[in-house]
N, C-alpha and C. Protein backbone atom coordinates (compact mmCIF):
# COMPACT_ATOMS: atom_id res chain seq x y z
N MET A 1 9.12 25.92 -11.73
CA MET A 1 9.36 27.02 -12.47
C MET A 1 9.10 28.40 -11.83
N LEU A 2 10.23 29.38 -12.22
CA LEU A 2 10.26 30.62 -11.51
C LEU A 2 9.61 31.53 -12.58
N ASP A 3 8.69 32.43 -11.66
CA ASP A 3 8.12 33.56 -12.50
C ASP A 3 9.23 34.40 -12.89
N PRO A 4 9.46 34.74 -13.92
CA PRO A 4 10.57 35.69 -14.64
C PRO A 4 10.41 37.15 -13.99
N VAL A 5 9.17 37.68 -13.56
CA VAL A 5 8.99 38.97 -13.15
C VAL A 5 9.26 39.04 -11.53
N SER A 6 8.45 38.24 -10.79
CA SER A 6 8.71 38.38 -9.32
C SER A 6 9.54 37.31 -8.92
N GLY A 7 10.23 36.45 -9.37
CA GLY A 7 11.01 35.43 -8.81
C GLY A 7 10.44 34.33 -7.95
N ASP A 8 8.94 34.48 -7.68
CA ASP A 8 8.43 33.38 -7.32
C ASP A 8 8.25 32.12 -7.88
N ARG A 9 7.96 31.18 -7.20
CA ARG A 9 7.71 29.62 -7.99
C ARG A 9 6.42 29.98 -8.55
N ALA A 10 6.25 29.62 -9.64
CA ALA A 10 5.02 29.62 -10.24
C ALA A 10 4.29 27.97 -10.25
N ALA A 11 3.09 28.01 -9.98
CA ALA A 11 2.38 26.77 -9.86
C ALA A 11 2.35 26.06 -11.24
N PRO A 12 2.67 24.77 -11.29
CA PRO A 12 2.37 24.19 -12.28
C PRO A 12 0.99 24.31 -13.00
N SER A 13 0.97 24.27 -14.48
CA SER A 13 -0.43 24.39 -15.11
C SER A 13 -1.10 23.14 -14.88
N ILE A 14 -2.41 23.21 -15.23
CA ILE A 14 -3.48 21.96 -15.05
C ILE A 14 -2.76 20.77 -15.98
N GLN A 15 -2.10 21.01 -17.05
CA GLN A 15 -1.56 20.00 -17.74
C GLN A 15 -0.36 19.35 -16.96
N GLY A 16 0.55 20.29 -16.45
CA GLY A 16 1.56 19.79 -15.77
C GLY A 16 1.38 19.06 -14.47
N ARG A 17 0.33 19.45 -13.80
CA ARG A 17 -0.10 18.82 -12.49
C ARG A 17 -0.72 17.43 -13.04
N ALA A 18 -1.52 17.17 -14.06
CA ALA A 18 -2.08 16.24 -14.55
C ALA A 18 -0.89 15.07 -14.84
N ALA A 19 0.10 15.62 -15.64
CA ALA A 19 1.14 14.82 -15.88
C ALA A 19 2.00 14.14 -14.64
N ILE A 20 2.20 15.23 -13.57
CA ILE A 20 2.89 14.57 -12.57
C ILE A 20 2.00 13.61 -11.58
N VAL A 21 0.43 14.03 -11.60
CA VAL A 21 -0.37 12.91 -10.77
C VAL A 21 -0.28 11.77 -11.62
N THR A 22 -0.25 11.43 -12.94
CA THR A 22 -0.39 10.51 -14.00
C THR A 22 1.00 9.53 -13.52
N ASP A 23 2.04 10.36 -13.79
CA ASP A 23 3.37 9.78 -13.50
C ASP A 23 3.35 9.22 -11.80
N LEU A 24 2.89 9.61 -10.90
CA LEU A 24 3.04 9.18 -9.75
C LEU A 24 1.95 7.93 -9.68
N ILE A 25 0.97 8.00 -10.10
CA ILE A 25 -0.02 6.87 -10.24
C ILE A 25 0.81 5.67 -10.87
N GLU A 26 1.27 5.73 -12.06
CA GLU A 26 2.05 4.83 -12.97
C GLU A 26 3.30 3.97 -11.86
N ARG A 27 4.07 4.99 -11.08
CA ARG A 27 5.04 4.61 -10.28
C ARG A 27 4.46 3.76 -9.06
N LEU A 28 3.31 4.22 -8.60
CA LEU A 28 2.44 3.47 -7.42
C LEU A 28 2.16 2.10 -7.93
N THR A 29 1.36 2.08 -9.03
CA THR A 29 0.71 0.98 -9.65
C THR A 29 2.18 0.01 -9.83
N GLU A 30 3.21 0.31 -10.35
CA GLU A 30 4.24 -0.68 -10.50
C GLU A 30 4.60 -1.15 -9.44
N ALA A 31 4.81 -0.46 -8.38
CA ALA A 31 5.41 -0.75 -7.01
C ALA A 31 4.55 -1.73 -6.20
N ALA A 32 3.29 -1.45 -6.30
CA ALA A 32 2.03 -2.31 -5.68
C ALA A 32 2.09 -3.58 -6.50
N THR A 33 2.18 -3.63 -7.97
CA THR A 33 2.18 -4.84 -8.56
C THR A 33 3.69 -5.68 -8.11
N ALA A 34 4.56 -5.05 -8.04
CA ALA A 34 5.93 -5.73 -7.70
C ALA A 34 5.70 -6.35 -6.24
N ALA A 35 5.20 -5.76 -5.27
CA ALA A 35 5.05 -6.23 -3.89
C ALA A 35 3.93 -7.25 -3.89
N ILE A 36 2.95 -7.27 -4.48
CA ILE A 36 2.01 -8.33 -4.62
C ILE A 36 2.34 -9.59 -5.34
N VAL A 37 3.33 -9.23 -6.39
CA VAL A 37 3.76 -10.35 -7.25
C VAL A 37 4.67 -11.27 -6.12
N ASN A 38 5.42 -10.51 -5.39
CA ASN A 38 6.33 -11.15 -4.34
C ASN A 38 5.61 -12.01 -3.41
N GLU A 39 4.24 -11.86 -3.19
CA GLU A 39 3.57 -12.72 -2.15
C GLU A 39 2.68 -13.65 -3.00
N THR A 40 3.25 -14.05 -4.38
CA THR A 40 2.19 -14.84 -4.90
C THR A 40 2.20 -16.36 -4.46
N GLN A 41 3.22 -16.74 -3.75
CA GLN A 41 3.34 -18.17 -3.10
C GLN A 41 2.18 -18.17 -2.16
N SER A 42 2.14 -17.01 -1.25
CA SER A 42 1.28 -16.84 -0.15
C SER A 42 -0.04 -16.76 -0.40
N LEU A 43 -0.49 -15.89 -1.61
CA LEU A 43 -1.66 -15.68 -2.02
C LEU A 43 -2.38 -16.95 -2.72
N SER A 44 -1.86 -17.94 -3.20
CA SER A 44 -2.18 -18.89 -3.68
C SER A 44 -2.34 -20.17 -2.75
N TYR A 45 -1.83 -19.95 -1.60
CA TYR A 45 -1.85 -21.15 -0.41
C TYR A 45 -3.19 -20.87 0.24
N GLU A 46 -4.00 -22.06 0.17
CA GLU A 46 -5.45 -21.86 0.79
C GLU A 46 -6.18 -20.54 0.66
N PRO A 47 -6.49 -20.35 -0.72
CA PRO A 47 -7.14 -19.02 -1.01
C PRO A 47 -8.55 -18.80 -0.40
N GLN A 48 -9.00 -19.84 -0.15
CA GLN A 48 -10.36 -19.89 0.57
C GLN A 48 -10.25 -19.22 1.94
N ARG A 49 -9.02 -19.03 2.72
CA ARG A 49 -9.01 -18.65 3.82
C ARG A 49 -8.31 -17.19 3.79
N LEU A 50 -8.12 -16.69 2.49
CA LEU A 50 -7.49 -15.17 2.32
C LEU A 50 -8.67 -14.19 2.87
N LYS A 51 -8.07 -13.45 3.73
CA LYS A 51 -9.07 -12.26 4.18
C LYS A 51 -8.63 -10.92 3.36
N GLY A 52 -7.36 -10.83 3.41
CA GLY A 52 -7.12 -9.63 2.32
C GLY A 52 -5.71 -9.31 2.46
N ILE A 53 -5.16 -8.48 2.00
CA ILE A 53 -3.68 -7.93 1.80
C ILE A 53 -3.62 -6.51 2.24
N VAL A 54 -2.60 -6.14 2.87
CA VAL A 54 -2.17 -4.93 3.35
C VAL A 54 -1.02 -4.54 2.61
N LEU A 55 -1.06 -3.42 1.69
CA LEU A 55 -0.21 -2.90 0.98
C LEU A 55 0.39 -1.54 1.63
N GLU A 56 1.91 -1.48 1.93
CA GLU A 56 2.53 -0.36 2.13
C GLU A 56 3.42 0.17 1.22
N LEU A 57 2.85 1.23 0.66
CA LEU A 57 4.29 1.94 -0.28
C LEU A 57 4.60 3.23 0.53
N THR A 58 5.77 3.46 0.51
CA THR A 58 6.69 4.49 1.15
C THR A 58 7.29 5.08 -0.19
N ILE A 59 6.74 6.64 -0.11
CA ILE A 59 7.30 7.49 -1.17
C ILE A 59 8.06 8.58 -0.57
N ASP A 60 9.07 9.14 -1.10
CA ASP A 60 9.95 10.30 -0.86
C ASP A 60 9.14 11.59 -1.20
N GLY A 61 9.54 12.76 -0.86
CA GLY A 61 9.06 13.98 -1.12
C GLY A 61 8.88 14.42 -2.59
N HIS A 62 9.69 13.62 -3.38
CA HIS A 62 9.56 13.68 -5.00
C HIS A 62 8.61 12.89 -5.51
N GLY A 63 8.02 11.76 -4.66
CA GLY A 63 6.86 10.91 -5.22
C GLY A 63 7.72 9.46 -5.78
N ALA A 64 8.90 9.40 -5.50
CA ALA A 64 9.68 8.12 -5.84
C ALA A 64 9.53 7.10 -4.75
N VAL A 65 8.87 5.89 -5.09
CA VAL A 65 8.76 4.74 -4.23
C VAL A 65 9.95 4.38 -3.62
N ILE A 66 10.00 4.54 -2.29
CA ILE A 66 11.31 4.05 -1.60
C ILE A 66 11.36 2.57 -1.13
N GLU A 67 10.08 2.19 -0.98
CA GLU A 67 9.82 1.04 -0.14
C GLU A 67 8.62 0.53 -0.43
N GLY A 68 8.32 -0.77 -0.54
CA GLY A 68 6.95 -1.57 -0.68
C GLY A 68 6.76 -2.83 0.06
N ARG A 69 5.84 -2.81 0.68
CA ARG A 69 5.54 -4.10 1.56
C ARG A 69 3.93 -4.71 1.34
N CYS A 70 3.92 -5.98 1.28
CA CYS A 70 2.64 -6.50 1.13
C CYS A 70 2.39 -7.66 2.25
N TYR A 71 1.23 -7.45 2.81
CA TYR A 71 1.29 -8.52 4.02
C TYR A 71 -0.21 -9.39 3.61
N VAL A 72 -0.20 -10.65 3.49
CA VAL A 72 -1.19 -11.36 3.41
C VAL A 72 -2.07 -11.59 4.85
N GLU A 73 -3.29 -11.47 4.99
CA GLU A 73 -3.98 -11.69 6.06
C GLU A 73 -5.15 -12.76 5.79
N ARG A 74 -4.99 -13.85 6.83
CA ARG A 74 -5.64 -15.17 6.74
C ARG A 74 -6.99 -15.05 7.80
N LYS A 75 -7.90 -15.78 7.45
CA LYS A 75 -8.98 -15.91 8.17
C LYS A 75 -8.56 -17.07 9.19
N THR A 76 -8.90 -17.15 10.49
CA THR A 76 -8.45 -18.23 11.38
C THR A 76 -9.71 -18.40 12.37
N LYS A 77 -9.85 -19.78 12.70
CA LYS A 77 -10.95 -19.96 13.63
C LYS A 77 -10.20 -20.17 15.09
N ALA A 78 -10.93 -19.62 16.21
CA ALA A 78 -10.55 -19.69 17.40
C ALA A 78 -10.68 -21.04 17.89
N ILE A 79 -9.55 -21.61 18.52
CA ILE A 79 -9.73 -22.98 19.20
C ILE A 79 -10.40 -23.06 20.32
N ARG A 80 -11.37 -23.60 20.68
CA ARG A 80 -12.04 -23.75 21.84
C ARG A 80 -11.75 -24.98 22.51
N GLY A 81 -11.29 -25.06 23.59
CA GLY A 81 -11.26 -26.41 24.29
C GLY A 81 -11.90 -26.55 25.34
N ASP A 82 -11.79 -27.57 26.18
CA ASP A 82 -12.45 -28.00 27.57
C ASP A 82 -11.82 -27.01 28.52
N ARG A 83 -10.96 -25.98 28.38
CA ARG A 83 -10.49 -25.23 29.37
C ARG A 83 -11.45 -24.34 30.02
N PRO A 84 -11.55 -24.09 31.23
CA PRO A 84 -12.37 -23.19 31.87
C PRO A 84 -12.14 -21.75 31.50
N MET A 85 -12.86 -20.89 31.57
CA MET A 85 -12.83 -19.39 31.25
C MET A 85 -11.71 -18.83 32.47
N PRO A 86 -10.92 -18.13 31.99
CA PRO A 86 -10.41 -17.25 33.36
C PRO A 86 -11.18 -16.58 34.17
N ALA A 87 -10.92 -16.29 35.45
CA ALA A 87 -11.67 -15.77 36.36
C ALA A 87 -12.14 -14.25 35.77
N GLY A 88 -13.39 -14.10 35.80
CA GLY A 88 -13.92 -12.72 35.38
C GLY A 88 -14.14 -12.68 33.90
N ARG A 89 -14.28 -13.53 33.31
CA ARG A 89 -14.35 -13.70 31.89
C ARG A 89 -15.50 -14.71 31.51
N GLY A 90 -16.59 -14.51 32.05
CA GLY A 90 -17.69 -15.36 31.67
C GLY A 90 -18.85 -15.48 32.72
């Protein structure tokens, strides 16, 4: 909004800022939900090994979500064999 007297951009009101934040939160929540739902099969496979998920949402300067990614992280066990340790490692 432009201030009619000075011509400067006026800061949004508290209610205006709250509406902007609420709208952004809704868009981020929808994008996060879609990214996680896309990984349903990965999340349901061996859930006891699930370590976590990494969620990346890329937004543009106007707050629009332009890309969403979700990575599933799993716990793994190190396989230890009878191989000797490399020199300097033990």
